[in-house]
Amino acid sequence: MPYCTKADLIERFGEDELLSLAHDQDGTMDDAVIDRACDDASGEIDGYVSAAGYRVPLSPVPRIVTAYACDIARYRLYDEHATDQVQKRYDDAVKFLRSVSRGEVKLGISTGPASSSAGSVQMNPGRQVFNGGGF
Protein backbone atom coordinates (compact mmCIF):
# COMPACT_ATOMS: atom_id res chain seq x y z
CA MET A 1 0.00 0.00 0.00
CA PRO A 2 1.65 3.26 -1.07
CA TYR A 3 1.79 6.15 1.38
CA CYS A 4 0.81 8.64 -1.32
CA THR A 5 -1.40 8.53 -4.38
CA LYS A 6 -1.80 10.33 -7.67
CA ALA A 7 -4.53 12.42 -6.03
CA ASP A 8 -2.14 13.41 -3.21
CA LEU A 9 0.49 14.48 -5.73
CA ILE A 10 -2.02 16.52 -7.73
CA GLU A 11 -3.31 18.19 -4.55
CA ARG A 12 0.21 19.20 -3.46
CA PHE A 13 1.91 20.00 -6.76
CA GLY A 14 -0.85 20.52 -9.31
CA GLU A 15 -2.08 18.53 -12.26
CA ASP A 16 0.02 20.46 -14.78
CA GLU A 17 3.30 19.61 -13.06
CA LEU A 18 2.36 15.95 -12.69
CA LEU A 19 1.29 15.75 -16.33
CA SER A 20 4.60 17.28 -17.43
CA LEU A 21 6.49 14.63 -15.45
CA ALA A 22 4.48 11.53 -16.34
CA HIS A 23 2.57 11.44 -19.60
CA ASP A 24 1.78 8.84 -22.25
CA GLN A 25 2.42 9.23 -25.98
CA ASP A 26 -1.07 10.68 -26.35
CA GLY A 27 -0.41 13.36 -23.71
CA THR A 28 -2.50 11.85 -20.92
CA MET A 29 -1.18 11.15 -17.45
CA ASP A 30 0.73 7.87 -17.21
CA ASP A 31 -0.74 6.27 -14.11
CA ALA A 32 1.77 3.39 -14.17
CA VAL A 33 4.73 5.79 -13.91
CA ILE A 34 3.04 7.72 -11.11
CA ASP A 35 2.12 4.54 -9.22
CA ARG A 36 5.71 3.27 -9.53
CA ALA A 37 7.07 6.54 -8.09
CA CYS A 38 4.60 6.30 -5.19
CA ASP A 39 5.51 2.65 -4.57
CA ASP A 40 9.24 3.48 -4.68
CA ALA A 41 8.73 6.32 -2.21
CA SER A 42 6.83 4.00 0.11
CA GLY A 43 9.57 1.40 -0.08
CA GLU A 44 12.20 3.99 0.77
CA ILE A 45 10.15 5.14 3.75
CA ASP A 46 9.61 1.54 4.92
CA GLY A 47 13.36 0.99 4.96
CA TYR A 48 13.88 3.84 7.39
CA VAL A 49 10.87 3.34 9.65
CA SER A 50 11.32 -0.42 9.97
CA ALA A 51 14.82 0.25 11.31
CA ALA A 52 13.12 2.13 14.17
CA GLY A 53 10.90 -0.88 14.94
CA TYR A 54 7.70 0.26 13.21
CA ARG A 55 5.55 -2.37 11.55
CA VAL A 56 5.40 -1.82 7.82
CA PRO A 57 3.40 -0.92 5.95
CA LEU A 58 2.47 1.78 8.42
CA SER A 59 -1.15 1.79 9.53
CA PRO A 60 -2.51 4.27 10.15
CA VAL A 61 -0.30 6.41 7.95
CA PRO A 62 0.72 9.63 9.72
CA ARG A 63 0.07 12.79 7.68
CA ILE A 64 3.74 13.72 7.80
CA VAL A 65 4.60 10.40 6.15
CA THR A 66 2.15 11.11 3.32
CA ALA A 67 3.66 14.57 2.86
CA TYR A 68 7.20 13.22 2.68
CA ALA A 69 6.09 10.33 0.44
CA CYS A 70 4.79 12.96 -1.99
CA ASP A 71 8.12 14.79 -1.91
CA ILE A 72 10.03 11.57 -2.53
CA ALA A 73 7.71 10.43 -5.33
CA ARG A 74 7.98 13.87 -6.97
CA TYR A 75 11.76 13.68 -6.77
CA ARG A 76 11.68 10.26 -8.43
CA LEU A 77 9.43 11.56 -11.19
CA TYR A 78 11.85 14.40 -11.92
CA ASP A 79 14.68 11.87 -12.15
CA GLU A 80 17.94 13.63 -13.06
CA HIS A 81 16.10 16.88 -13.89
CA ALA A 82 15.15 17.74 -10.29
CA THR A 83 15.06 21.44 -9.53
CA ASP A 84 16.79 22.85 -6.46
CA GLN A 85 13.44 23.03 -4.65
CA VAL A 86 12.56 19.42 -5.49
CA GLN A 87 16.03 18.27 -4.39
CA LYS A 88 15.78 20.22 -1.12
CA ARG A 89 12.36 18.74 -0.31
CA TYR A 90 13.71 15.26 -1.01
CA ASP A 91 16.77 15.91 1.17
CA ASP A 92 14.50 17.18 3.97
CA ALA A 93 12.39 14.02 3.71
CA VAL A 94 15.47 11.80 3.98
CA LYS A 95 16.77 13.85 6.93
CA PHE A 96 13.43 13.38 8.70
CA LEU A 97 13.39 9.64 7.94
CA ARG A 98 16.94 9.22 9.24
CA SER A 99 15.83 10.90 12.47
CA VAL A 100 12.95 8.45 12.70
CA SER A 101 15.25 5.48 12.08
CA ARG A 102 17.58 6.66 14.89
CA GLY A 103 14.63 7.06 17.24
CA GLU A 104 15.04 10.84 17.51
CA VAL A 105 11.57 11.42 16.07
CA LYS A 106 8.48 9.34 16.85
CA LEU A 107 5.64 8.86 14.39
CA GLY A 108 2.94 8.59 17.04
CA ILE A 109 1.94 5.05 16.13
CA SER A 110 2.84 1.74 17.74
CA THR A 111 6.02 -0.15 17.02
CA GLY A 112 6.47 -3.87 17.10
CA PRO A 113 7.16 -6.92 15.00
CA ALA A 114 5.71 -7.09 11.51
CA SER A 115 2.27 -8.63 11.39
CA SER A 116 3.00 -10.48 8.17
CA SER A 117 4.67 -13.88 8.20
CA ALA A 118 6.15 -13.39 4.72
CA GLY A 119 9.80 -14.35 4.75
CA SER A 120 9.69 -15.89 8.23
CA VAL A 121 10.95 -19.31 9.23
CA GLN A 122 8.54 -21.80 10.69
CA MET A 123 9.68 -24.83 12.68
CA ASN A 124 7.76 -28.07 12.98
CA PRO A 125 9.62 -30.26 15.50
CA GLY A 126 7.20 -33.18 15.11
CA ARG A 127 8.22 -34.01 11.52
CA GLN A 128 11.55 -35.51 10.43
CA VAL A 129 12.66 -34.09 7.10
CA PHE A 130 16.19 -35.51 6.90
CA ASN A 131 17.08 -38.94 8.16
CA GLY A 132 20.84 -38.72 8.42
CA GLY A 133 21.73 -39.49 4.82
CA GLY A 134 19.76 -42.68 4.21
CA PHE A 135 17.40 -42.53 1.29
C-alpha atoms as a PDB file:
ATOM      1  CA  MET A   1       0.000   0.000   0.000  1.00  0.00           C
ATOM      2  CA  PRO A   2       1.651   3.265  -1.068  1.00  0.00           C
ATOM      3  CA  TYR A   3       1.788   6.152   1.383  1.00  0.00           C
ATOM      4  CA  CYS A   4       0.805   8.635  -1.321  1.00  0.00           C
ATOM      5  CA  THR A   5      -1.398   8.529  -4.381  1.00  0.00           C
ATOM      6  CA  LYS A   6      -1.796  10.335  -7.667  1.00  0.00           C
ATOM      7  CA  ALA A   7      -4.531  12.421  -6.027  1.00  0.00           C
ATOM      8  CA  ASP A   8      -2.144  13.412  -3.208  1.00  0.00           C
ATOM      9  CA  LEU A   9       0.493  14.484  -5.731  1.00  0.00           C
ATOM     10  CA  ILE A  10      -2.025  16.523  -7.726  1.00  0.00           C
ATOM     11  CA  GLU A  11      -3.308  18.187  -4.550  1.00  0.00           C
ATOM     12  CA  ARG A  12       0.206  19.199  -3.462  1.00  0.00           C
ATOM     13  CA  PHE A  13       1.914  20.003  -6.758  1.00  0.00           C
ATOM     14  CA  GLY A  14      -0.854  20.516  -9.312  1.00  0.00           C
ATOM     15  CA  GLU A  15      -2.085  18.526 -12.259  1.00  0.00           C
ATOM     16  CA  ASP A  16       0.025  20.460 -14.782  1.00  0.00           C
ATOM     17  CA  GLU A  17       3.299  19.607 -13.057  1.00  0.00           C
ATOM     18  CA  LEU A  18       2.361  15.954 -12.691  1.00  0.00           C
ATOM     19  CA  LEU A  19       1.290  15.746 -16.330  1.00  0.00           C
ATOM     20  CA  SER A  20       4.601  17.278 -17.426  1.00  0.00           C
ATOM     21  CA  LEU A  21       6.490  14.627 -15.450  1.00  0.00           C
ATOM     22  CA  ALA A  22       4.481  11.533 -16.339  1.00  0.00           C
ATOM     23  CA  HIS A  23       2.572  11.438 -19.603  1.00  0.00           C
ATOM     24  CA  ASP A  24       1.785   8.844 -22.246  1.00  0.00           C
ATOM     25  CA  GLN A  25       2.424   9.227 -25.977  1.00  0.00           C
ATOM     26  CA  ASP A  26      -1.069  10.681 -26.346  1.00  0.00           C
ATOM     27  CA  GLY A  27      -0.407  13.364 -23.710  1.00  0.00           C
ATOM     28  CA  THR A  28      -2.498  11.848 -20.917  1.00  0.00           C
ATOM     29  CA  MET A  29      -1.176  11.150 -17.450  1.00  0.00           C
ATOM     30  CA  ASP A  30       0.735   7.868 -17.215  1.00  0.00           C
ATOM     31  CA  ASP A  31      -0.737   6.265 -14.106  1.00  0.00           C
ATOM     32  CA  ALA A  32       1.771   3.391 -14.165  1.00  0.00           C
ATOM     33  CA  VAL A  33       4.728   5.790 -13.913  1.00  0.00           C
ATOM     34  CA  ILE A  34       3.040   7.721 -11.111  1.00  0.00           C
ATOM     35  CA  ASP A  35       2.118   4.541  -9.225  1.00  0.00           C
ATOM     36  CA  ARG A  36       5.712   3.268  -9.529  1.00  0.00           C
ATOM     37  CA  ALA A  37       7.069   6.539  -8.091  1.00  0.00           C
ATOM     38  CA  CYS A  38       4.597   6.304  -5.187  1.00  0.00           C
ATOM     39  CA  ASP A  39       5.514   2.653  -4.574  1.00  0.00           C
ATOM     40  CA  ASP A  40       9.242   3.475  -4.682  1.00  0.00           C
ATOM     41  CA  ALA A  41       8.729   6.319  -2.210  1.00  0.00           C
ATOM     42  CA  SER A  42       6.825   4.003   0.113  1.00  0.00           C
ATOM     43  CA  GLY A  43       9.575   1.399  -0.083  1.00  0.00           C
ATOM     44  CA  GLU A  44      12.196   3.990   0.768  1.00  0.00           C
ATOM     45  CA  ILE A  45      10.146   5.137   3.752  1.00  0.00           C
ATOM     46  CA  ASP A  46       9.607   1.537   4.916  1.00  0.00           C
ATOM     47  CA  GLY A  47      13.359   0.992   4.962  1.00  0.00           C
ATOM     48  CA  TYR A  48      13.875   3.844   7.394  1.00  0.00           C
ATOM     49  CA  VAL A  49      10.875   3.344   9.655  1.00  0.00           C
ATOM     50  CA  SER A  50      11.318  -0.417   9.971  1.00  0.00           C
ATOM     51  CA  ALA A  51      14.822   0.252  11.310  1.00  0.00           C
ATOM     52  CA  ALA A  52      13.116   2.127  14.169  1.00  0.00           C
ATOM     53  CA  GLY A  53      10.896  -0.875  14.936  1.00  0.00           C
ATOM     54  CA  TYR A  54       7.701   0.261  13.213  1.00  0.00           C
ATOM     55  CA  ARG A  55       5.548  -2.370  11.550  1.00  0.00           C
ATOM     56  CA  VAL A  56       5.398  -1.819   7.815  1.00  0.00           C
ATOM     57  CA  PRO A  57       3.402  -0.917   5.947  1.00  0.00           C
ATOM     58  CA  LEU A  58       2.467   1.785   8.417  1.00  0.00           C
ATOM     59  CA  SER A  59      -1.149   1.785   9.531  1.00  0.00           C
ATOM     60  CA  PRO A  60      -2.513   4.270  10.151  1.00  0.00           C
ATOM     61  CA  VAL A  61      -0.299   6.413   7.948  1.00  0.00           C
ATOM     62  CA  PRO A  62       0.721   9.630   9.723  1.00  0.00           C
ATOM     63  CA  ARG A  63       0.066  12.786   7.683  1.00  0.00           C
ATOM     64  CA  ILE A  64       3.744  13.722   7.803  1.00  0.00           C
ATOM     65  CA  VAL A  65       4.603  10.402   6.148  1.00  0.00           C
ATOM     66  CA  THR A  66       2.147  11.110   3.318  1.00  0.00           C
ATOM     67  CA  ALA A  67       3.664  14.568   2.858  1.00  0.00           C
ATOM     68  CA  TYR A  68       7.202  13.215   2.682  1.00  0.00           C
ATOM     69  CA  ALA A  69       6.089  10.335   0.444  1.00  0.00           C
ATOM     70  CA  CYS A  70       4.787  12.957  -1.989  1.00  0.00           C
ATOM     71  CA  ASP A  71       8.116  14.792  -1.913  1.00  0.00           C
ATOM     72  CA  ILE A  72      10.033  11.568  -2.532  1.00  0.00           C
ATOM     73  CA  ALA A  73       7.709  10.425  -5.335  1.00  0.00           C
ATOM     74  CA  ARG A  74       7.977  13.867  -6.967  1.00  0.00           C
ATOM     75  CA  TYR A  75      11.761  13.682  -6.769  1.00  0.00           C
ATOM     76  CA  ARG A  76      11.685  10.262  -8.426  1.00  0.00           C
ATOM     77  CA  LEU A  77       9.426  11.561 -11.191  1.00  0.00           C
ATOM     78  CA  TYR A  78      11.847  14.403 -11.918  1.00  0.00           C
ATOM     79  CA  ASP A  79      14.682  11.866 -12.152  1.00  0.00           C
ATOM     80  CA  GLU A  80      17.941  13.633 -13.059  1.00  0.00           C
ATOM     81  CA  HIS A  81      16.097  16.877 -13.888  1.00  0.00           C
ATOM     82  CA  ALA A  82      15.147  17.742 -10.295  1.00  0.00           C
ATOM     83  CA  THR A  83      15.055  21.443  -9.530  1.00  0.00           C
ATOM     84  CA  ASP A  84      16.793  22.846  -6.457  1.00  0.00           C
ATOM     85  CA  GLN A  85      13.441  23.030  -4.647  1.00  0.00           C
ATOM     86  CA  VAL A  86      12.557  19.425  -5.488  1.00  0.00           C
ATOM     87  CA  GLN A  87      16.033  18.272  -4.390  1.00  0.00           C
ATOM     88  CA  LYS A  88      15.777  20.219  -1.116  1.00  0.00           C
ATOM     89  CA  ARG A  89      12.364  18.741  -0.314  1.00  0.00           C
ATOM     90  CA  TYR A  90      13.709  15.258  -1.005  1.00  0.00           C
ATOM     91  CA  ASP A  91      16.766  15.909   1.175  1.00  0.00           C
ATOM     92  CA  ASP A  92      14.497  17.182   3.970  1.00  0.00           C
ATOM     93  CA  ALA A  93      12.392  14.015   3.714  1.00  0.00           C
ATOM     94  CA  VAL A  94      15.472  11.797   3.981  1.00  0.00           C
ATOM     95  CA  LYS A  95      16.765  13.848   6.925  1.00  0.00           C
ATOM     96  CA  PHE A  96      13.433  13.376   8.696  1.00  0.00           C
ATOM     97  CA  LEU A  97      13.386   9.641   7.942  1.00  0.00           C
ATOM     98  CA  ARG A  98      16.944   9.215   9.241  1.00  0.00           C
ATOM     99  CA  SER A  99      15.834  10.903  12.469  1.00  0.00           C
ATOM    100  CA  VAL A 100      12.951   8.447  12.699  1.00  0.00           C
ATOM    101  CA  SER A 101      15.254   5.479  12.078  1.00  0.00           C
ATOM    102  CA  ARG A 102      17.579   6.657  14.890  1.00  0.00           C
ATOM    103  CA  GLY A 103      14.627   7.063  17.242  1.00  0.00           C
ATOM    104  CA  GLU A 104      15.042  10.842  17.512  1.00  0.00           C
ATOM    105  CA  VAL A 105      11.565  11.425  16.068  1.00  0.00           C
ATOM    106  CA  LYS A 106       8.482   9.338  16.846  1.00  0.00           C
ATOM    107  CA  LEU A 107       5.635   8.859  14.391  1.00  0.00           C
ATOM    108  CA  GLY A 108       2.942   8.586  17.044  1.00  0.00           C
ATOM    109  CA  ILE A 109       1.943   5.051  16.128  1.00  0.00           C
ATOM    110  CA  SER A 110       2.840   1.744  17.739  1.00  0.00           C
ATOM    111  CA  THR A 111       6.023  -0.154  17.016  1.00  0.00           C
ATOM    112  CA  GLY A 112       6.470  -3.875  17.097  1.00  0.00           C
ATOM    113  CA  PRO A 113       7.163  -6.924  15.005  1.00  0.00           C
ATOM    114  CA  ALA A 114       5.713  -7.087  11.514  1.00  0.00           C
ATOM    115  CA  SER A 115       2.270  -8.626  11.395  1.00  0.00           C
ATOM    116  CA  SER A 116       2.998 -10.478   8.173  1.00  0.00           C
ATOM    117  CA  SER A 117       4.672 -13.876   8.196  1.00  0.00           C
ATOM    118  CA  ALA A 118       6.148 -13.388   4.725  1.00  0.00           C
ATOM    119  CA  GLY A 119       9.797 -14.354   4.755  1.00  0.00           C
ATOM    120  CA  SER A 120       9.689 -15.888   8.227  1.00  0.00           C
ATOM    121  CA  VAL A 121      10.954 -19.306   9.229  1.00  0.00           C
ATOM    122  CA  GLN A 122       8.545 -21.802  10.692  1.00  0.00           C
ATOM    123  CA  MET A 123       9.676 -24.829  12.678  1.00  0.00           C
ATOM    124  CA  ASN A 124       7.757 -28.071  12.982  1.00  0.00           C
ATOM    125  CA  PRO A 125       9.621 -30.259  15.500  1.00  0.00           C
ATOM    126  CA  GLY A 126       7.200 -33.182  15.110  1.00  0.00           C
ATOM    127  CA  ARG A 127       8.224 -34.006  11.521  1.00  0.00           C
ATOM    128  CA  GLN A 128      11.546 -35.506  10.434  1.00  0.00           C
ATOM    129  CA  VAL A 129      12.664 -34.091   7.097  1.00  0.00           C
ATOM    130  CA  PHE A 130      16.191 -35.507   6.904  1.00  0.00           C
ATOM    131  CA  ASN A 131      17.080 -38.935   8.158  1.00  0.00           C
ATOM    132  CA  GLY A 132      20.843 -38.717   8.421  1.00  0.00           C
ATOM    133  CA  GLY A 133      21.733 -39.490   4.819  1.00  0.00           C
ATOM    134  CA  GLY A 134      19.764 -42.679   4.209  1.00  0.00           C
ATOM    135  CA  PHE A 135      17.402 -42.534   1.285  1.00  0.00           C
END
